[in-house]
Amino acid sequence: MLSVIAAGGAVGAGARYEVGQLWPTGSSAFPWTTLGVNAVGCLIIGVFLVVVTEVWSVHPLLRPFFGTGVLGGFTTFSTYCADIERLVAQERAGIALAYLAVTVVAAMAAVTIGVAAARRALIGRRR
């Protein structure tokens, strides 16, 4: 199980690295890339969980590989925390607080949208 999660994590972290290379965030800039990666990862997890729990019967290792490994490696809530710390250290506490709140709201909204869209597209079609 740990090997499967680690393999998925390597894939996800590699994808996250590539996104960071495509859209780098400067040391004094608002961390839009991290916010975007986390929101996209949450949207995908919403879709994925509907697919593997409500639509298809999948191999038992797919969920830990993709859900925990790939998406856990792709989303970067540790960088989110480091970004908040960096913004506070730069005496930009208001922006740090806004970033803290916006990320949580965006992540929750993305999961909700992913679940609703997947259910509508995949389950609604079967009725």
N, C-alpha and C. Protein backbone atom coordinates (compact mmCIF):
# COMPACT_ATOMS: atom_id res chain seq x y z
N MET A 1 0.83 -1.19 0.00
CA MET A 1 0.00 0.00 0.00
C MET A 1 0.88 1.26 0.00
N LEU A 2 1.89 1.28 0.86
CA LEU A 2 2.75 2.46 0.92
C LEU A 2 3.51 2.68 -0.38
N SER A 3 3.90 1.61 -1.03
CA SER A 3 4.59 1.74 -2.32
C SER A 3 3.68 2.33 -3.38
N VAL A 4 2.44 1.92 -3.38
CA VAL A 4 1.45 2.44 -4.34
C VAL A 4 1.23 3.93 -4.10
N ILE A 5 1.08 4.32 -2.84
CA ILE A 5 0.88 5.73 -2.51
C ILE A 5 2.13 6.54 -2.87
N ALA A 6 3.30 5.99 -2.57
CA ALA A 6 4.55 6.69 -2.89
C ALA A 6 4.72 6.87 -4.40
N ALA A 7 4.39 5.85 -5.17
CA ALA A 7 4.48 5.95 -6.62
C ALA A 7 3.52 7.04 -7.13
N GLY A 8 2.31 7.04 -6.63
CA GLY A 8 1.35 8.08 -7.01
C GLY A 8 1.83 9.46 -6.58
N GLY A 9 2.40 9.53 -5.39
CA GLY A 9 2.92 10.80 -4.89
C GLY A 9 4.03 11.35 -5.78
N ALA A 10 4.86 10.47 -6.29
CA ALA A 10 5.94 10.91 -7.19
C ALA A 10 5.36 11.49 -8.48
N VAL A 11 4.33 10.85 -9.00
CA VAL A 11 3.66 11.36 -10.21
C VAL A 11 3.04 12.73 -9.93
N GLY A 12 2.30 12.83 -8.83
CA GLY A 12 1.64 14.08 -8.48
C GLY A 12 2.62 15.20 -8.20
N ALA A 13 3.68 14.90 -7.47
CA ALA A 13 4.68 15.93 -7.16
C ALA A 13 5.39 16.39 -8.42
N GLY A 14 5.64 15.45 -9.34
CA GLY A 14 6.25 15.83 -10.61
C GLY A 14 5.34 16.77 -11.41
N ALA A 15 4.05 16.47 -11.41
CA ALA A 15 3.09 17.33 -12.11
C ALA A 15 3.03 18.71 -11.44
N ARG A 16 3.06 18.72 -10.12
CA ARG A 16 3.04 19.99 -9.39
C ARG A 16 4.28 20.82 -9.70
N TYR A 17 5.42 20.17 -9.77
CA TYR A 17 6.67 20.86 -10.10
C TYR A 17 6.57 21.50 -11.48
N GLU A 18 6.04 20.75 -12.43
CA GLU A 18 5.91 21.28 -13.80
C GLU A 18 4.98 22.49 -13.85
N VAL A 19 3.89 22.45 -13.10
CA VAL A 19 2.98 23.60 -13.05
C VAL A 19 3.72 24.81 -12.48
N GLY A 20 4.51 24.59 -11.44
CA GLY A 20 5.31 25.67 -10.85
C GLY A 20 6.33 26.25 -11.82
N GLN A 21 6.85 25.41 -12.71
CA GLN A 21 7.79 25.89 -13.72
C GLN A 21 7.08 26.70 -14.80
N LEU A 22 5.86 26.28 -15.14
CA LEU A 22 5.08 27.00 -16.15
C LEU A 22 4.58 28.35 -15.65
N TRP A 23 4.15 28.38 -14.39
CA TRP A 23 3.61 29.61 -13.79
C TRP A 23 4.30 29.87 -12.45
N PRO A 24 5.55 30.33 -12.49
CA PRO A 24 6.27 30.58 -11.23
C PRO A 24 5.68 31.77 -10.47
N THR A 25 5.81 31.70 -9.16
CA THR A 25 5.34 32.78 -8.30
C THR A 25 6.56 33.45 -7.68
N GLY A 26 6.67 34.74 -7.86
CA GLY A 26 7.78 35.49 -7.28
C GLY A 26 7.69 35.52 -5.76
N SER A 27 8.81 35.80 -5.11
CA SER A 27 8.85 35.75 -3.64
C SER A 27 7.96 36.80 -2.98
N SER A 28 7.64 37.87 -3.69
CA SER A 28 6.77 38.88 -3.08
C SER A 28 5.38 38.91 -3.72
N ALA A 29 5.10 37.96 -4.61
CA ALA A 29 3.82 37.95 -5.32
C ALA A 29 2.78 37.14 -4.56
N PHE A 30 1.53 37.41 -4.86
CA PHE A 30 0.44 36.59 -4.32
C PHE A 30 0.56 35.19 -4.92
N PRO A 31 0.42 34.13 -4.12
CA PRO A 31 0.65 32.76 -4.59
C PRO A 31 -0.51 32.19 -5.42
N TRP A 32 -0.76 32.78 -6.58
CA TRP A 32 -1.86 32.33 -7.44
C TRP A 32 -1.67 30.90 -7.91
N THR A 33 -0.44 30.51 -8.21
CA THR A 33 -0.20 29.16 -8.72
C THR A 33 -0.57 28.12 -7.67
N THR A 34 -0.17 28.32 -6.43
CA THR A 34 -0.50 27.37 -5.37
C THR A 34 -2.00 27.32 -5.15
N LEU A 35 -2.64 28.47 -5.16
CA LEU A 35 -4.10 28.53 -5.01
C LEU A 35 -4.76 27.75 -6.15
N GLY A 36 -4.32 27.97 -7.36
CA GLY A 36 -4.89 27.28 -8.51
C GLY A 36 -4.68 25.78 -8.48
N VAL A 37 -3.48 25.36 -8.15
CA VAL A 37 -3.18 23.93 -8.06
C VAL A 37 -4.07 23.27 -7.01
N ASN A 38 -4.20 23.88 -5.86
CA ASN A 38 -5.01 23.29 -4.81
C ASN A 38 -6.49 23.22 -5.20
N ALA A 39 -6.99 24.26 -5.86
CA ALA A 39 -8.39 24.25 -6.30
C ALA A 39 -8.61 23.19 -7.38
N VAL A 40 -7.72 23.10 -8.35
CA VAL A 40 -7.85 22.10 -9.41
C VAL A 40 -7.76 20.69 -8.82
N GLY A 41 -6.82 20.47 -7.91
CA GLY A 41 -6.71 19.16 -7.26
C GLY A 41 -7.97 18.78 -6.51
N CYS A 42 -8.58 19.74 -5.85
CA CYS A 42 -9.82 19.47 -5.12
C CYS A 42 -10.98 19.19 -6.07
N LEU A 43 -11.03 19.88 -7.19
CA LEU A 43 -12.05 19.61 -8.20
C LEU A 43 -11.90 18.17 -8.71
N ILE A 44 -10.67 17.78 -9.00
CA ILE A 44 -10.42 16.42 -9.50
C ILE A 44 -10.77 15.38 -8.45
N ILE A 45 -10.45 15.63 -7.18
CA ILE A 45 -10.77 14.64 -6.15
C ILE A 45 -12.29 14.48 -6.01
N GLY A 46 -13.03 15.57 -6.19
CA GLY A 46 -14.49 15.47 -6.15
C GLY A 46 -15.02 14.57 -7.25
N VAL A 47 -14.52 14.75 -8.46
CA VAL A 47 -14.92 13.91 -9.60
C VAL A 47 -14.47 12.47 -9.35
N PHE A 48 -13.23 12.31 -8.97
CA PHE A 48 -12.65 10.98 -8.77
C PHE A 48 -13.43 10.17 -7.73
N LEU A 49 -13.76 10.78 -6.61
CA LEU A 49 -14.45 10.03 -5.57
C LEU A 49 -15.84 9.59 -6.00
N VAL A 50 -16.53 10.40 -6.78
CA VAL A 50 -17.82 9.96 -7.31
C VAL A 50 -17.62 8.76 -8.23
N VAL A 51 -16.63 8.86 -9.10
CA VAL A 51 -16.37 7.78 -10.05
C VAL A 51 -16.07 6.47 -9.33
N VAL A 52 -15.21 6.50 -8.32
CA VAL A 52 -14.78 5.25 -7.68
C VAL A 52 -15.72 4.76 -6.59
N THR A 53 -16.63 5.60 -6.12
CA THR A 53 -17.54 5.14 -5.06
C THR A 53 -18.98 4.97 -5.54
N GLU A 54 -19.36 5.67 -6.62
CA GLU A 54 -20.76 5.63 -7.04
C GLU A 54 -20.98 5.13 -8.46
N VAL A 55 -19.93 5.09 -9.27
CA VAL A 55 -20.14 4.75 -10.68
C VAL A 55 -19.51 3.41 -11.03
N TRP A 56 -18.21 3.27 -10.82
CA TRP A 56 -17.49 2.08 -11.25
C TRP A 56 -16.91 1.34 -10.06
N SER A 57 -16.77 0.06 -10.25
CA SER A 57 -16.03 -0.77 -9.31
C SER A 57 -14.59 -0.81 -9.81
N VAL A 58 -13.67 -0.36 -8.99
CA VAL A 58 -12.28 -0.24 -9.43
C VAL A 58 -11.37 -1.10 -8.56
N HIS A 59 -10.16 -1.30 -9.04
CA HIS A 59 -9.16 -2.05 -8.29
C HIS A 59 -8.94 -1.35 -6.94
N PRO A 60 -8.80 -2.11 -5.86
CA PRO A 60 -8.66 -1.49 -4.54
C PRO A 60 -7.44 -0.59 -4.36
N LEU A 61 -6.44 -0.73 -5.23
CA LEU A 61 -5.26 0.13 -5.10
C LEU A 61 -5.37 1.44 -5.88
N LEU A 62 -6.41 1.57 -6.72
CA LEU A 62 -6.54 2.80 -7.49
C LEU A 62 -6.78 4.02 -6.59
N ARG A 63 -7.64 3.85 -5.62
CA ARG A 63 -7.96 4.98 -4.73
C ARG A 63 -6.73 5.48 -3.97
N PRO A 64 -5.95 4.60 -3.32
CA PRO A 64 -4.75 5.11 -2.65
C PRO A 64 -3.69 5.64 -3.63
N PHE A 65 -3.57 5.01 -4.81
CA PHE A 65 -2.60 5.49 -5.79
C PHE A 65 -2.97 6.89 -6.28
N PHE A 66 -4.19 7.04 -6.76
CA PHE A 66 -4.56 8.31 -7.38
C PHE A 66 -5.06 9.33 -6.36
N GLY A 67 -5.99 8.93 -5.49
CA GLY A 67 -6.57 9.87 -4.54
C GLY A 67 -5.59 10.37 -3.50
N THR A 68 -4.86 9.44 -2.89
CA THR A 68 -3.90 9.82 -1.86
C THR A 68 -2.55 10.20 -2.46
N GLY A 69 -2.06 9.36 -3.36
CA GLY A 69 -0.72 9.58 -3.91
C GLY A 69 -0.65 10.71 -4.92
N VAL A 70 -1.28 10.52 -6.08
CA VAL A 70 -1.18 11.52 -7.15
C VAL A 70 -1.75 12.86 -6.70
N LEU A 71 -2.98 12.86 -6.22
CA LEU A 71 -3.59 14.15 -5.84
C LEU A 71 -2.98 14.72 -4.57
N GLY A 72 -2.52 13.86 -3.66
CA GLY A 72 -1.83 14.35 -2.48
C GLY A 72 -0.49 14.98 -2.83
N GLY A 73 0.19 14.40 -3.83
CA GLY A 73 1.45 14.98 -4.29
C GLY A 73 1.25 16.22 -5.14
N PHE A 74 0.14 16.26 -5.88
CA PHE A 74 -0.13 17.40 -6.75
C PHE A 74 -0.58 18.62 -5.95
N THR A 75 -1.56 18.44 -5.09
CA THR A 75 -1.98 19.56 -4.25
C THR A 75 -0.87 19.84 -3.26
N THR A 76 -0.83 21.05 -2.81
CA THR A 76 0.34 21.43 -2.03
C THR A 76 -0.05 22.31 -0.86
N PHE A 77 -0.75 21.69 0.08
CA PHE A 77 -1.16 22.45 1.24
C PHE A 77 0.01 22.79 2.16
N SER A 78 1.11 22.07 2.04
CA SER A 78 2.30 22.46 2.81
C SER A 78 2.88 23.76 2.24
N THR A 79 2.87 23.89 0.92
CA THR A 79 3.33 25.15 0.32
C THR A 79 2.37 26.28 0.67
N TYR A 80 1.09 25.96 0.74
CA TYR A 80 0.07 26.93 1.17
C TYR A 80 0.44 27.50 2.54
N CYS A 81 0.80 26.63 3.46
CA CYS A 81 1.20 27.09 4.80
C CYS A 81 2.49 27.91 4.75
N ALA A 82 3.44 27.46 3.96
CA ALA A 82 4.70 28.20 3.82
C ALA A 82 4.45 29.57 3.18
N ASP A 83 3.52 29.63 2.22
CA ASP A 83 3.17 30.91 1.60
C ASP A 83 2.57 31.88 2.63
N ILE A 84 1.71 31.36 3.48
CA ILE A 84 1.12 32.20 4.52
C ILE A 84 2.21 32.73 5.45
N GLU A 85 3.11 31.85 5.87
CA GLU A 85 4.21 32.26 6.74
C GLU A 85 5.07 33.32 6.06
N ARG A 86 5.36 33.13 4.77
CA ARG A 86 6.16 34.10 4.01
C ARG A 86 5.47 35.45 3.94
N LEU A 87 4.18 35.45 3.67
CA LEU A 87 3.44 36.71 3.59
C LEU A 87 3.42 37.43 4.94
N VAL A 88 3.25 36.70 6.01
CA VAL A 88 3.27 37.30 7.35
C VAL A 88 4.65 37.88 7.64
N ALA A 89 5.71 37.13 7.31
CA ALA A 89 7.08 37.59 7.53
C ALA A 89 7.38 38.86 6.73
N GLN A 90 6.71 39.02 5.60
CA GLN A 90 6.87 40.23 4.77
C GLN A 90 5.95 41.35 5.22
N GLU A 91 5.33 41.15 6.38
CA GLU A 91 4.40 42.14 6.95
C GLU A 91 3.21 42.40 6.04
N ARG A 92 2.71 41.32 5.46
CA ARG A 92 1.53 41.37 4.61
C ARG A 92 0.47 40.46 5.21
N ALA A 93 0.19 40.66 6.49
CA ALA A 93 -0.72 39.79 7.23
C ALA A 93 -2.14 39.81 6.65
N GLY A 94 -2.59 40.95 6.17
CA GLY A 94 -3.92 41.03 5.58
C GLY A 94 -4.04 40.15 4.34
N ILE A 95 -3.02 40.19 3.50
CA ILE A 95 -3.02 39.35 2.31
C ILE A 95 -2.91 37.88 2.71
N ALA A 96 -2.10 37.60 3.72
CA ALA A 96 -1.96 36.22 4.20
C ALA A 96 -3.30 35.69 4.71
N LEU A 97 -4.01 36.51 5.45
CA LEU A 97 -5.31 36.09 5.98
C LEU A 97 -6.31 35.88 4.84
N ALA A 98 -6.30 36.78 3.86
CA ALA A 98 -7.19 36.62 2.71
C ALA A 98 -6.86 35.34 1.95
N TYR A 99 -5.58 35.08 1.74
CA TYR A 99 -5.13 33.88 1.05
C TYR A 99 -5.55 32.63 1.82
N LEU A 100 -5.40 32.67 3.13
CA LEU A 100 -5.80 31.55 3.98
C LEU A 100 -7.28 31.25 3.78
N ALA A 101 -8.12 32.27 3.81
CA ALA A 101 -9.56 32.07 3.69
C ALA A 101 -9.97 31.70 2.26
N VAL A 102 -9.43 32.39 1.28
CA VAL A 102 -9.80 32.13 -0.11
C VAL A 102 -9.44 30.71 -0.52
N THR A 103 -8.30 30.21 -0.06
CA THR A 103 -7.90 28.85 -0.41
C THR A 103 -8.88 27.83 0.15
N VAL A 104 -9.27 28.00 1.39
CA VAL A 104 -10.22 27.05 2.00
C VAL A 104 -11.56 27.10 1.26
N VAL A 105 -12.05 28.30 0.99
CA VAL A 105 -13.33 28.44 0.28
C VAL A 105 -13.22 27.86 -1.13
N ALA A 106 -12.14 28.16 -1.83
CA ALA A 106 -11.95 27.65 -3.19
C ALA A 106 -11.85 26.13 -3.20
N ALA A 107 -11.13 25.57 -2.24
CA ALA A 107 -10.98 24.11 -2.16
C ALA A 107 -12.32 23.43 -1.91
N MET A 108 -13.08 23.94 -0.96
CA MET A 108 -14.39 23.36 -0.65
C MET A 108 -15.36 23.51 -1.82
N ALA A 109 -15.34 24.67 -2.46
CA ALA A 109 -16.20 24.89 -3.62
C ALA A 109 -15.82 23.97 -4.76
N ALA A 110 -14.52 23.79 -4.98
CA ALA A 110 -14.05 22.94 -6.07
C ALA A 110 -14.47 21.48 -5.86
N VAL A 111 -14.33 20.97 -4.65
CA VAL A 111 -14.77 19.60 -4.36
C VAL A 111 -16.27 19.47 -4.61
N THR A 112 -17.04 20.42 -4.13
CA THR A 112 -18.49 20.40 -4.29
C THR A 112 -18.88 20.43 -5.76
N ILE A 113 -18.24 21.29 -6.53
CA ILE A 113 -18.51 21.39 -7.96
C ILE A 113 -18.11 20.09 -8.66
N GLY A 114 -16.97 19.54 -8.30
CA GLY A 114 -16.52 18.28 -8.90
C GLY A 114 -17.50 17.15 -8.64
N VAL A 115 -17.97 17.03 -7.40
CA VAL A 115 -18.94 15.98 -7.05
C VAL A 115 -20.24 16.19 -7.83
N ALA A 116 -20.75 17.41 -7.82
CA ALA A 116 -22.03 17.69 -8.50
C ALA A 116 -21.92 17.45 -10.00
N ALA A 117 -20.83 17.91 -10.60
CA ALA A 117 -20.65 17.74 -12.04
C ALA A 117 -20.53 16.26 -12.41
N ALA A 118 -19.77 15.52 -11.63
CA ALA A 118 -19.61 14.09 -11.91
C ALA A 118 -20.92 13.35 -11.75
N ARG A 119 -21.65 13.66 -10.71
CA ARG A 119 -22.95 13.00 -10.51
C ARG A 119 -23.91 13.33 -11.65
N ARG A 120 -23.93 14.57 -12.04
CA ARG A 120 -24.83 14.99 -13.12
C ARG A 120 -24.44 14.32 -14.44
N ALA A 121 -23.15 14.30 -14.75
CA ALA A 121 -22.69 13.76 -16.02
C ALA A 121 -22.72 12.24 -16.06
N LEU A 122 -22.37 11.59 -14.96
CA LEU A 122 -22.21 10.14 -14.98
C LEU A 122 -23.38 9.36 -14.41
N ILE A 123 -23.99 9.89 -13.38
CA ILE A 123 -25.09 9.16 -12.75
C ILE A 123 -26.42 9.59 -13.33
N GLY A 124 -26.59 10.86 -13.55
CA GLY A 124 -27.84 11.38 -14.11
C GLY A 124 -28.14 10.79 -15.47
N ARG A 125 -27.12 10.46 -16.21
CA ARG A 125 -27.26 9.89 -17.55
C ARG A 125 -27.86 8.48 -17.50
N ARG A 126 -27.64 7.76 -16.42
CA ARG A 126 -28.11 6.37 -16.32
C ARG A 126 -29.57 6.29 -15.94
N ARG A 127 -30.18 7.35 -15.48
CA ARG A 127 -31.56 7.30 -15.00
C ARG A 127 -32.55 7.44 -16.10
